[in-house]
PDB file of all heavy atoms in Angstrom:
ATOM      1  N   ILE A   1     103.873  95.448 116.937  1.00  0.00           N
ATOM      2  CA  ILE A   1     104.620  96.375 116.151  1.00  0.00           C
ATOM      3  C   ILE A   1     103.655  97.413 115.618  1.00  0.00           C
ATOM      4  O   ILE A   1     102.543  97.128 115.115  1.00  0.00           O
ATOM      5  CB  ILE A   1     105.370  95.592 114.949  1.00  0.00           C
ATOM      6  CG1 ILE A   1     106.542  94.804 115.662  1.00  0.00           C
ATOM      7  CG2 ILE A   1     105.880  96.528 113.950  1.00  0.00           C
ATOM      8  CD1 ILE A   1     107.244  93.949 114.577  1.00  0.00           C
ATOM      9  N   GLN A   2     104.001  98.687 115.750  1.00  0.00           N
ATOM     10  CA  GLN A   2     103.164  99.767 115.362  1.00  0.00           C
ATOM     11  C   GLN A   2     103.994 100.709 114.488  1.00  0.00           C
ATOM     12  O   GLN A   2     105.068 101.230 114.827  1.00  0.00           O
ATOM     13  CB  GLN A   2     102.638 100.559 116.562  1.00  0.00           C
ATOM     14  CG  GLN A   2     101.946  99.764 117.512  1.00  0.00           C
ATOM     15  CD  GLN A   2     101.404 100.527 118.747  1.00  0.00           C
ATOM     16  OE1 GLN A   2     102.075 101.524 119.119  1.00  0.00           O
ATOM     17  NE2 GLN A   2     100.430 100.088 119.414  1.00  0.00           N
ATOM     18  N   PRO A   3     103.564 101.019 113.260  1.00  0.00           N
ATOM     19  CA  PRO A   3     102.404 100.528 112.551  1.00  0.00           C
ATOM     20  C   PRO A   3     102.850  99.164 111.931  1.00  0.00           C
ATOM     21  O   PRO A   3     103.971  98.922 111.524  1.00  0.00           O
ATOM     22  CB  PRO A   3     102.124 101.484 111.414  1.00  0.00           C
ATOM     23  CG  PRO A   3     103.566 102.155 111.236  1.00  0.00           C
ATOM     24  CD  PRO A   3     104.152 102.186 112.509  1.00  0.00           C
ATOM     25  N   PRO A   4     102.007  98.155 111.860  1.00  0.00           N
ATOM     26  CA  PRO A   4     102.333  96.812 111.277  1.00  0.00           C
ATOM     27  C   PRO A   4     102.364  96.753 109.829  1.00  0.00           C
ATOM     28  O   PRO A   4     101.604  95.884 109.242  1.00  0.00           O
ATOM     29  CB  PRO A   4     101.121  96.002 111.939  1.00  0.00           C
ATOM     30  CG  PRO A   4      99.981  96.799 111.934  1.00  0.00           C
ATOM     31  CD  PRO A   4     100.527  98.220 112.258  1.00  0.00           C
ATOM     32  N   ILE A   5     103.252  97.423 109.219  1.00  0.00           N
ATOM     33  CA  ILE A   5     103.317  97.591 107.728  1.00  0.00           C
ATOM     34  C   ILE A   5     104.315  96.413 107.349  1.00  0.00           C
ATOM     35  O   ILE A   5     105.459  96.420 107.743  1.00  0.00           O
ATOM     36  CB  ILE A   5     103.845  98.908 107.274  1.00  0.00           C
ATOM     37  CG1 ILE A   5     102.774  99.931 107.592  1.00  0.00           C
ATOM     38  CG2 ILE A   5     104.110  98.783 105.755  1.00  0.00           C
ATOM     39  CD1 ILE A   5     103.158 101.297 107.226  1.00  0.00           C
ATOM     40  N   PHE A   6     103.790  95.511 106.590  1.00  0.00           N
ATOM     41  CA  PHE A   6     104.687  94.427 106.014  1.00  0.00           C
ATOM     42  C   PHE A   6     105.279  94.729 104.644  1.00  0.00           C
ATOM     43  O   PHE A   6     104.570  94.857 103.643  1.00  0.00           O
ATOM     44  CB  PHE A   6     103.844  93.138 105.907  1.00  0.00           C
ATOM     45  CG  PHE A   6     104.498  91.885 105.651  1.00  0.00           C
ATOM     46  CD1 PHE A   6     105.882  91.732 105.909  1.00  0.00           C
ATOM     47  CD2 PHE A   6     103.903  90.748 105.083  1.00  0.00           C
ATOM     48  CE1 PHE A   6     106.547  90.549 105.693  1.00  0.00           C
ATOM     49  CE2 PHE A   6     104.573  89.580 104.858  1.00  0.00           C
ATOM     50  CZ  PHE A   6     105.878  89.466 105.095  1.00  0.00           C
ATOM     51  N   VAL A   7     106.613  94.973 104.716  1.00  0.00           N
ATOM     52  CA  VAL A   7     107.227  95.624 103.610  1.00  0.00           C
ATOM     53  C   VAL A   7     107.384  94.698 102.339  1.00  0.00           C
ATOM     54  O   VAL A   7     107.495  95.073 101.246  1.00  0.00           O
ATOM     55  CB  VAL A   7     108.634  96.229 103.987  1.00  0.00           C
ATOM     56  CG1 VAL A   7     108.424  97.278 105.025  1.00  0.00           C
ATOM     57  CG2 VAL A   7     109.548  95.196 104.398  1.00  0.00           C
ATOM     58  N   ILE A   8     107.443  93.371 102.566  1.00  0.00           N
ATOM     59  CA  ILE A   8     107.865  92.393 101.544  1.00  0.00           C
ATOM     60  C   ILE A   8     106.758  92.455 100.411  1.00  0.00           C
ATOM     61  O   ILE A   8     107.039  92.605  99.275  1.00  0.00           O
ATOM     62  CB  ILE A   8     108.184  91.069 102.058  1.00  0.00           C
ATOM     63  CG1 ILE A   8     109.459  91.072 102.850  1.00  0.00           C
ATOM     64  CG2 ILE A   8     108.164  89.995 100.906  1.00  0.00           C
ATOM     65  CD1 ILE A   8     109.896  89.755 103.481  1.00  0.00           C
ATOM     66  N   PRO A   9     105.471  92.227 100.790  1.00  0.00           N
ATOM     67  CA  PRO A   9     104.494  92.360  99.720  1.00  0.00           C
ATOM     68  C   PRO A   9     104.003  93.689  99.325  1.00  0.00           C
ATOM     69  O   PRO A   9     103.328  93.933  98.350  1.00  0.00           O
ATOM     70  CB  PRO A   9     103.268  91.483 100.248  1.00  0.00           C
ATOM     71  CG  PRO A   9     103.379  91.737 101.734  1.00  0.00           C
ATOM     72  CD  PRO A   9     104.800  91.961 102.044  1.00  0.00           C
ATOM     73  N   SER A  10     104.535  94.723 100.127  1.00  0.00           N
ATOM     74  CA  SER A  10     104.067  96.091  99.764  1.00  0.00           C
ATOM     75  C   SER A  10     104.927  96.561  98.587  1.00  0.00           C
ATOM     76  O   SER A  10     105.986  96.148  98.366  1.00  0.00           O
ATOM     77  CB  SER A  10     104.304  97.048 101.036  1.00  0.00           C
ATOM     78  OG  SER A  10     103.507  96.633 102.118  1.00  0.00           O
ATOM     79  N   LEU A  11     104.356  97.599  98.014  1.00  0.00           N
ATOM     80  CA  LEU A  11     105.069  98.024  96.722  1.00  0.00           C
ATOM     81  C   LEU A  11     104.558  99.419  96.313  1.00  0.00           C
ATOM     82  O   LEU A  11     103.324  99.759  96.388  1.00  0.00           O
ATOM     83  CB  LEU A  11     104.650  97.084  95.623  1.00  0.00           C
ATOM     84  CG  LEU A  11     105.139  97.476  94.258  1.00  0.00           C
ATOM     85  CD1 LEU A  11     106.516  97.452  94.044  1.00  0.00           C
ATOM     86  CD2 LEU A  11     104.401  96.539  93.079  1.00  0.00           C
ATOM     87  N   SER A  12     105.464 100.327  95.918  1.00  0.00           N
ATOM     88  CA  SER A  12     105.094 101.572  95.380  1.00  0.00           C
ATOM     89  C   SER A  12     105.760 101.616  93.933  1.00  0.00           C
ATOM     90  O   SER A  12     106.912 101.658  93.905  1.00  0.00           O
ATOM     91  CB  SER A  12     105.635 102.722  96.185  1.00  0.00           C
ATOM     92  OG  SER A  12     105.506 103.911  95.498  1.00  0.00           O
ATOM     93  N   ARG A  13     104.974 101.484  92.938  1.00  0.00           N
ATOM     94  CA  ARG A  13     105.527 101.420  91.605  1.00  0.00           C
ATOM     95  C   ARG A  13     106.245 102.618  91.075  1.00  0.00           C
ATOM     96  O   ARG A  13     106.906 102.635  90.106  1.00  0.00           O
ATOM     97  CB  ARG A  13     104.306 101.007  90.617  1.00  0.00           C
ATOM     98  CG  ARG A  13     103.729  99.658  90.864  1.00  0.00           C
ATOM     99  CD  ARG A  13     102.882  99.184  89.662  1.00  0.00           C
ATOM    100  NE  ARG A  13     102.347  97.921  89.921  1.00  0.00           N
ATOM    101  CZ  ARG A  13     101.210  97.664  90.489  1.00  0.00           C
ATOM    102  NH1 ARG A  13     100.330  98.668  90.729  1.00  0.00           N
ATOM    103  NH2 ARG A  13     100.672  96.436  90.735  1.00  0.00           N
ATOM    104  N   LEU A  14     105.980 103.766  91.775  1.00  0.00           N
ATOM    105  CA  LEU A  14     106.607 105.026  91.283  1.00  0.00           C
ATOM    106  C   LEU A  14     107.706 105.420  92.305  1.00  0.00           C
ATOM    107  O   LEU A  14     108.255 106.561  92.152  1.00  0.00           O
ATOM    108  CB  LEU A  14     105.539 106.066  91.300  1.00  0.00           C
ATOM    109  CG  LEU A  14     104.325 105.861  90.221  1.00  0.00           C
ATOM    110  CD1 LEU A  14     103.458 107.073  90.310  1.00  0.00           C
ATOM    111  CD2 LEU A  14     104.995 105.726  88.847  1.00  0.00           C
ATOM    112  N   LYS A  15     108.128 104.606  93.150  1.00  0.00           N
ATOM    113  CA  LYS A  15     109.116 104.946  94.167  1.00  0.00           C
ATOM    114  C   LYS A  15     110.448 105.430  93.518  1.00  0.00           C
ATOM    115  O   LYS A  15     111.049 106.333  94.007  1.00  0.00           O
ATOM    116  CB  LYS A  15     109.363 103.816  95.200  1.00  0.00           C
ATOM    117  CG  LYS A  15     109.973 102.643  94.570  1.00  0.00           C
ATOM    118  CD  LYS A  15     110.051 101.437  95.482  1.00  0.00           C
ATOM    119  CE  LYS A  15     110.495 100.150  94.904  1.00  0.00           C
ATOM    120  NZ  LYS A  15     110.334  99.006  95.830  1.00  0.00           N
ATOM    121  N   ASP A  16     110.827 104.793  92.333  1.00  0.00           N
ATOM    122  CA  ASP A  16     111.995 105.115  91.786  1.00  0.00           C
ATOM    123  C   ASP A  16     112.042 106.595  91.269  1.00  0.00           C
ATOM    124  O   ASP A  16     113.078 107.190  91.086  1.00  0.00           O
ATOM    125  CB  ASP A  16     112.368 104.169  90.711  1.00  0.00           C
ATOM    126  CG  ASP A  16     112.620 102.754  91.163  1.00  0.00           C
ATOM    127  OD1 ASP A  16     113.009 102.599  92.337  1.00  0.00           O
ATOM    128  OD2 ASP A  16     112.421 101.765  90.379  1.00  0.00           O
ATOM    129  N   LYS A  17     110.880 107.074  91.030  1.00  0.00           N
ATOM    130  CA  LYS A  17     110.801 108.487  90.401  1.00  0.00           C
ATOM    131  C   LYS A  17     110.959 109.578  91.435  1.00  0.00           C
ATOM    132  O   LYS A  17     111.139 110.678  91.100  1.00  0.00           O
ATOM    133  CB  LYS A  17     109.405 108.576  89.715  1.00  0.00           C
ATOM    134  CG  LYS A  17     109.054 107.537  88.694  1.00  0.00           C
ATOM    135  CD  LYS A  17     110.060 107.408  87.594  1.00  0.00           C
ATOM    136  CE  LYS A  17     109.781 106.276  86.664  1.00  0.00           C
ATOM    137  NZ  LYS A  17     110.774 106.068  85.605  1.00  0.00           N
ATOM    138  N   GLY A  18     110.742 109.242  92.714  1.00  0.00           N
ATOM    139  CA  GLY A  18     110.729 110.234  93.750  1.00  0.00           C
ATOM    140  C   GLY A  18     111.916 110.148  94.630  1.00  0.00           C
ATOM    141  O   GLY A  18     111.835 110.937  95.700  1.00  0.00           O
ATOM    142  N   ILE A  19     112.920 109.407  94.343  1.00  0.00           N
ATOM    143  CA  ILE A  19     114.062 109.314  95.325  1.00  0.00           C
ATOM    144  C   ILE A  19     115.288 109.567  94.514  1.00  0.00           C
ATOM    145  O   ILE A  19     115.360 109.763  93.329  1.00  0.00           O
ATOM    146  CB  ILE A  19     114.147 107.876  95.886  1.00  0.00           C
ATOM    147  CG1 ILE A  19     114.359 106.775  94.855  1.00  0.00           C
ATOM    148  CG2 ILE A  19     112.918 107.619  96.757  1.00  0.00           C
ATOM    149  CD1 ILE A  19     114.581 105.447  95.478  1.00  0.00           C
ATOM    150  N   GLY A  20     116.447 109.701  95.293  1.00  0.00           N
ATOM    151  CA  GLY A  20     117.773 109.980  94.721  1.00  0.00           C
ATOM    152  C   GLY A  20     118.321 111.382  95.003  1.00  0.00           C
ATOM    153  O   GLY A  20     117.708 112.182  95.777  1.00  0.00           O
ATOM    154  N   LYS A  21     119.418 111.694  94.407  1.00  0.00           N
ATOM    155  CA  LYS A  21     120.063 112.950  94.733  1.00  0.00           C
ATOM    156  C   LYS A  21     119.175 114.123  94.305  1.00  0.00           C
ATOM    157  O   LYS A  21     118.563 114.040  93.204  1.00  0.00           O
ATOM    158  CB  LYS A  21     121.374 113.000  93.904  1.00  0.00           C
ATOM    159  CG  LYS A  21     122.294 114.085  94.229  1.00  0.00           C
ATOM    160  CD  LYS A  21     123.632 114.033  93.677  1.00  0.00           C
ATOM    161  CE  LYS A  21     124.609 115.138  94.148  1.00  0.00           C
ATOM    162  NZ  LYS A  21     126.005 114.917  93.443  1.00  0.00           N
ATOM    163  N   GLY A  22     119.030 115.110  95.150  1.00  0.00           N
ATOM    164  CA  GLY A  22     118.238 116.241  94.807  1.00  0.00           C
ATOM    165  C   GLY A  22     116.806 116.058  95.253  1.00  0.00           C
ATOM    166  O   GLY A  22     116.000 117.099  95.321  1.00  0.00           O
ATOM    167  N   LYS A  23     116.356 114.804  95.497  1.00  0.00           N
ATOM    168  CA  LYS A  23     114.984 114.557  96.020  1.00  0.00           C
ATOM    169  C   LYS A  23     114.961 114.106  97.465  1.00  0.00           C
ATOM    170  O   LYS A  23     114.410 114.580  98.354  1.00  0.00           O
ATOM    171  CB  LYS A  23     114.351 113.527  95.057  1.00  0.00           C
ATOM    172  CG  LYS A  23     114.122 114.099  93.710  1.00  0.00           C
ATOM    173  CD  LYS A  23     113.432 113.201  92.780  1.00  0.00           C
ATOM    174  CE  LYS A  23     113.232 113.785  91.345  1.00  0.00           C
ATOM    175  NZ  LYS A  23     112.562 112.817  90.404  1.00  0.00           N
ATOM    176  N   THR A  24     115.779 113.002  97.730  1.00  0.00           N
ATOM    177  CA  THR A  24     115.975 112.475  99.042  1.00  0.00           C
ATOM    178  C   THR A  24     117.469 112.446  99.346  1.00  0.00           C
ATOM    179  O   THR A  24     117.923 113.402  99.930  1.00  0.00           O
ATOM    180  CB  THR A  24     115.268 111.049  99.214  1.00  0.00           C
ATOM    181  OG1 THR A  24     115.857 110.247  98.228  1.00  0.00           O
ATOM    182  CG2 THR A  24     113.847 111.086  99.062  1.00  0.00           C
ATOM    183  N   ARG A  25     118.189 111.448  98.888  1.00  0.00           N
ATOM    184  CA  ARG A  25     119.586 111.366  99.070  1.00  0.00           C
ATOM    185  C   ARG A  25     120.156 110.386  98.047  1.00  0.00           C
ATOM    186  O   ARG A  25     119.522 109.470  97.667  1.00  0.00           O
ATOM    187  CB  ARG A  25     119.940 110.997 100.522  1.00  0.00           C
ATOM    188  CG  ARG A  25     121.417 111.456 100.890  1.00  0.00           C
ATOM    189  CD  ARG A  25     121.677 111.461 102.426  1.00  0.00           C
ATOM    190  NE  ARG A  25     121.731 109.977 102.886  1.00  0.00           N
ATOM    191  CZ  ARG A  25     121.849 109.707 104.185  1.00  0.00           C
ATOM    192  NH1 ARG A  25     121.924 110.675 105.149  1.00  0.00           N
ATOM    193  NH2 ARG A  25     122.008 108.405 104.520  1.00  0.00           N
ATOM    194  N   GLU A  26     121.392 110.482  97.731  1.00  0.00           N
ATOM    195  CA  GLU A  26     121.990 109.652  96.579  1.00  0.00           C
ATOM    196  C   GLU A  26     122.021 108.203  96.934  1.00  0.00           C
ATOM    197  O   GLU A  26     121.889 107.364  95.976  1.00  0.00           O
ATOM    198  CB  GLU A  26     123.470 110.136  96.382  1.00  0.00           C
ATOM    199  CG  GLU A  26     124.332 110.146  97.588  1.00  0.00           C
ATOM    200  CD  GLU A  26     125.707 110.628  97.527  1.00  0.00           C
ATOM    201  OE1 GLU A  26     126.022 111.088  96.323  1.00  0.00           O
ATOM    202  OE2 GLU A  26     126.489 110.637  98.505  1.00  0.00           O
ATOM    203  N   ASP A  27     122.085 107.886  98.154  1.00  0.00           N
ATOM    204  CA  ASP A  27     122.179 106.445  98.580  1.00  0.00           C
ATOM    205  C   ASP A  27     120.799 105.737  98.721  1.00  0.00           C
ATOM    206  O   ASP A  27     120.749 104.510  99.046  1.00  0.00           O
ATOM    207  CB  ASP A  27     122.930 106.269  99.900  1.00  0.00           C
ATOM    208  CG  ASP A  27     122.320 107.124 101.023  1.00  0.00           C
ATOM    209  OD1 ASP A  27     121.931 108.202 100.825  1.00  0.00           O
ATOM    210  OD2 ASP A  27     122.183 106.429 102.105  1.00  0.00           O
ATOM    211  N   HIS A  28     119.738 106.438  98.519  1.00  0.00           N
ATOM    212  CA  HIS A  28     118.412 106.037  98.845  1.00  0.00           C
ATOM    213  C   HIS A  28     118.046 104.740  98.130  1.00  0.00           C
ATOM    214  O   HIS A  28     117.642 103.714  98.644  1.00  0.00           O
ATOM    215  CB  HIS A  28     117.351 106.986  98.578  1.00  0.00           C
ATOM    216  CG  HIS A  28     116.009 106.658  99.181  1.00  0.00           C
ATOM    217  ND1 HIS A  28     114.995 107.682  99.415  1.00  0.00           N
ATOM    218  CD2 HIS A  28     115.428 105.555  99.463  1.00  0.00           C
ATOM    219  CE1 HIS A  28     113.906 107.089  99.884  1.00  0.00           C
ATOM    220  NE2 HIS A  28     114.149 105.767  99.929  1.00  0.00           N
ATOM    221  N   ALA A  29     118.173 104.735  96.820  1.00  0.00           N
ATOM    222  CA  ALA A  29     117.851 103.523  95.987  1.00  0.00           C
ATOM    223  C   ALA A  29     118.632 102.239  96.379  1.00  0.00           C
ATOM    224  O   ALA A  29     118.129 101.203  96.565  1.00  0.00           O
ATOM    225  CB  ALA A  29     118.029 103.762  94.524  1.00  0.00           C
TER     226      ALA A  29
END
């Protein structure tokens, strides 16, 4: 698998601040 990113232990603590309506899309979160 390329890239072999394992999403379960991965984390972005600021992800909630950069998503949603007007930034990405309303259904993102």
